[in-house]
Protein backbone atom coordinates (compact mmCIF):
# COMPACT_ATOMS: atom_id res chain seq x y z
CA UNK A 1 -0.08 0.07 0.07
CA UNK A 2 0.91 3.44 -0.86
CA UNK A 3 2.65 5.20 2.42
CA UNK A 4 1.78 8.61 3.43
CA UNK A 5 3.58 10.51 0.56
CA UNK A 6 1.99 8.26 -1.86
CA UNK A 7 5.05 6.09 -2.50
CA UNK A 8 4.23 2.31 -2.74
CA UNK A 9 6.53 0.14 -0.46
CA UNK A 10 7.04 -3.31 -1.56
CA UNK A 11 9.09 -5.58 0.31
CA UNK A 12 12.51 -6.46 -1.79
CA UNK A 13 11.61 -10.41 -0.59
CA UNK A 14 8.87 -9.89 -3.36
CA UNK A 15 11.56 -11.08 -5.65
CA UNK A 16 14.19 -13.84 -4.44
CA UNK A 17 16.55 -12.17 -7.00
CA UNK A 18 16.15 -8.91 -5.46
CA UNK A 19 16.52 -10.19 -1.93
CA UNK A 20 19.63 -11.47 -2.50
CA UNK A 21 21.14 -8.81 -4.18
CA UNK A 22 19.68 -6.17 -1.46
CA UNK A 23 21.68 -8.52 0.99
CA UNK A 24 24.76 -7.98 -0.97
CA UNK A 25 24.64 -4.18 -1.86
CA UNK A 26 21.10 -2.44 -1.46
CA UNK A 27 22.90 0.69 -2.84
CA UNK A 28 23.60 -1.06 -6.38
CA UNK A 29 20.43 -0.36 -7.72
CA UNK A 30 17.05 1.68 -7.38
CA UNK A 31 13.93 2.44 -9.36
CA UNK A 32 10.84 4.37 -9.45
CA UNK A 33 7.35 4.07 -10.18
CA UNK A 34 5.34 7.68 -10.95
CA UNK A 35 1.87 7.77 -11.37
CA UNK A 36 0.76 10.19 -14.01
CA UNK A 37 -2.65 11.47 -15.15
CA UNK A 38 -1.91 11.76 -18.94
CA UNK A 39 -2.17 14.64 -21.27
CA UNK A 40 -5.20 16.24 -19.09
CA UNK A 41 -7.82 15.08 -21.54
CA UNK A 42 -11.37 15.85 -20.28
CA UNK A 43 -13.05 12.96 -18.72
CA UNK A 44 -9.82 10.60 -18.47
CA UNK A 45 -9.86 8.75 -15.38
CA UNK A 46 -7.21 9.73 -12.89
CA UNK A 47 -4.58 7.26 -11.82
CA UNK A 48 -4.40 4.77 -14.73
CA UNK A 49 -1.00 5.54 -15.98
CA UNK A 50 2.39 5.35 -14.53
CA UNK A 51 6.17 5.93 -15.78
CA UNK A 52 9.03 3.76 -14.56
CA UNK A 53 12.67 3.94 -14.36
CA UNK A 54 15.74 2.40 -12.72
CA UNK A 55 19.37 3.48 -12.16
CA UNK A 56 21.86 0.67 -11.57
CA UNK A 57 25.43 0.97 -10.67
CA UNK A 58 28.27 0.07 -13.18
CA UNK A 59 29.46 -2.79 -11.23
CA UNK A 60 25.87 -4.12 -10.89
CA UNK A 61 25.48 -3.92 -14.88
CA UNK A 62 24.97 -7.12 -17.00
CA UNK A 63 23.92 -9.08 -13.97
CA UNK A 64 19.92 -9.15 -14.57
CA UNK A 65 19.47 -6.23 -11.65
CA UNK A 66 17.85 -3.82 -13.72
CA UNK A 67 15.30 -6.13 -15.47
CA UNK A 68 14.48 -7.39 -12.00
CA UNK A 69 13.65 -4.14 -10.57
CA UNK A 70 11.78 -3.08 -13.98
CA UNK A 71 9.63 -6.29 -13.72
CA UNK A 72 9.26 -5.41 -9.99
CA UNK A 73 7.78 -2.25 -10.87
CA UNK A 74 5.40 -3.21 -13.59
CA UNK A 75 4.04 -6.04 -11.07
CA UNK A 76 3.53 -3.20 -8.42
CA UNK A 77 1.91 -1.02 -10.96
CA UNK A 78 -0.48 -3.63 -12.55
CA UNK A 79 -0.75 -5.92 -9.55
CA UNK A 80 -1.03 -3.76 -6.73
CA UNK A 81 -1.90 -0.43 -8.06
CA UNK A 82 -4.41 -1.49 -10.91
CA UNK A 83 -2.76 0.89 -13.11
CA UNK A 84 -3.80 0.51 -16.95
CA UNK A 85 -0.55 1.69 -18.99
CA UNK A 86 3.02 2.12 -17.92
CA UNK A 87 5.83 3.95 -19.99
CA UNK A 88 9.52 4.09 -19.92
CA UNK A 89 12.44 5.62 -21.64
CA UNK A 90 15.94 5.40 -22.56
CA UNK A 91 18.73 6.93 -24.70
CA UNK A 92 18.74 5.35 -27.85
CA UNK A 93 22.68 5.20 -27.51
CA UNK A 94 22.32 2.64 -24.54
CA UNK A 95 21.23 -0.79 -26.18
CA UNK A 96 21.50 -2.42 -22.76
CA UNK A 97 18.71 -0.22 -21.05
CA UNK A 98 16.37 -0.83 -24.42
CA UNK A 99 17.00 -4.80 -24.05
CA UNK A 100 16.18 -4.54 -20.22
CA UNK A 101 12.68 -2.77 -21.11
CA UNK A 102 12.20 -5.41 -24.00
CA UNK A 103 12.97 -8.11 -21.35
CA UNK A 104 10.54 -6.89 -18.86
CA UNK A 105 7.92 -7.23 -21.42
CA UNK A 106 7.35 -3.44 -22.98
CA UNK A 107 7.62 -2.52 -26.77
CA UNK A 108 9.36 0.53 -28.40
CA UNK A 109 6.52 2.90 -29.46
CA UNK A 110 8.85 6.11 -30.22
CA UNK A 111 12.27 7.17 -31.51
CA UNK A 112 12.50 10.73 -30.21
CA UNK A 113 14.90 12.84 -31.94
CA UNK A 114 17.23 14.66 -29.82
CA UNK A 115 14.51 14.29 -26.87
CA UNK A 116 16.68 13.23 -23.93
CA UNK A 117 19.22 15.01 -21.85
CA UNK A 118 22.40 13.57 -21.28
CA UNK A 119 24.75 15.40 -18.78
CA UNK A 120 28.00 14.53 -21.01
CA UNK A 121 26.46 14.45 -24.34
CA UNK A 122 23.86 17.12 -24.33
CA UNK A 123 20.73 16.30 -26.43
CA UNK A 124 20.68 12.72 -27.52
CA UNK A 125 17.95 10.46 -29.10
CA UNK A 126 15.71 8.88 -27.02
CA UNK A 127 13.22 5.73 -26.91
CA UNK A 128 9.91 5.43 -25.37
CA UNK A 129 8.53 1.93 -24.41
CA UNK A 130 4.97 0.98 -23.04
CA UNK A 131 3.05 -1.97 -21.88
CA UNK A 132 -0.62 -2.37 -21.37
CA UNK A 133 -2.22 -4.26 -18.17
CA UNK A 134 -3.48 -6.87 -20.36
CA UNK A 135 0.20 -7.36 -22.00
CA UNK A 136 1.56 -7.73 -18.66
CA UNK A 137 -1.13 -10.31 -17.76
CA UNK A 138 -0.64 -12.54 -21.03
CA UNK A 139 3.12 -11.94 -20.45
CA UNK A 140 2.88 -13.42 -17.00
CA UNK A 141 0.88 -16.40 -17.67
CA UNK A 142 3.47 -17.07 -20.52
CA UNK A 143 0.89 -16.38 -23.63
CA UNK A 144 1.19 -13.73 -26.30
CA UNK A 145 -0.27 -10.20 -25.74
CA UNK A 146 -3.57 -9.50 -27.49
CA UNK A 147 -3.63 -6.24 -29.12
CA UNK A 148 -7.04 -4.51 -29.97
């Protein structure tokens, strides 16, 4: 359940993989789930969409940490909060991050030209990924997603 600030706190033990990683170094990774209300369209239901993201220290890269963090955030978004759609973004020149989102079941929806800020490189291209609740449920059950 969300705490007083609206932040959903889930036990790390919800994922055995993350529980083991947390015992070794809790500060090697973090993630966020932000609930958004879309583009202000009149009549649109509130609290139906979310944005996820993650940060993994370089020494923990390539060990499946970001994928597990992302899957845990999606699980929270769909199974605990009942969101309808979740998005995530990454820099286009970061194929490892794009692969994390794809392994978590998300699909690439957009390639934005110079739409992302990088502290060292300036404006760079970005990718936008998304997944719907019904796609998540099919992925969890091992089926193929049904799009209408």
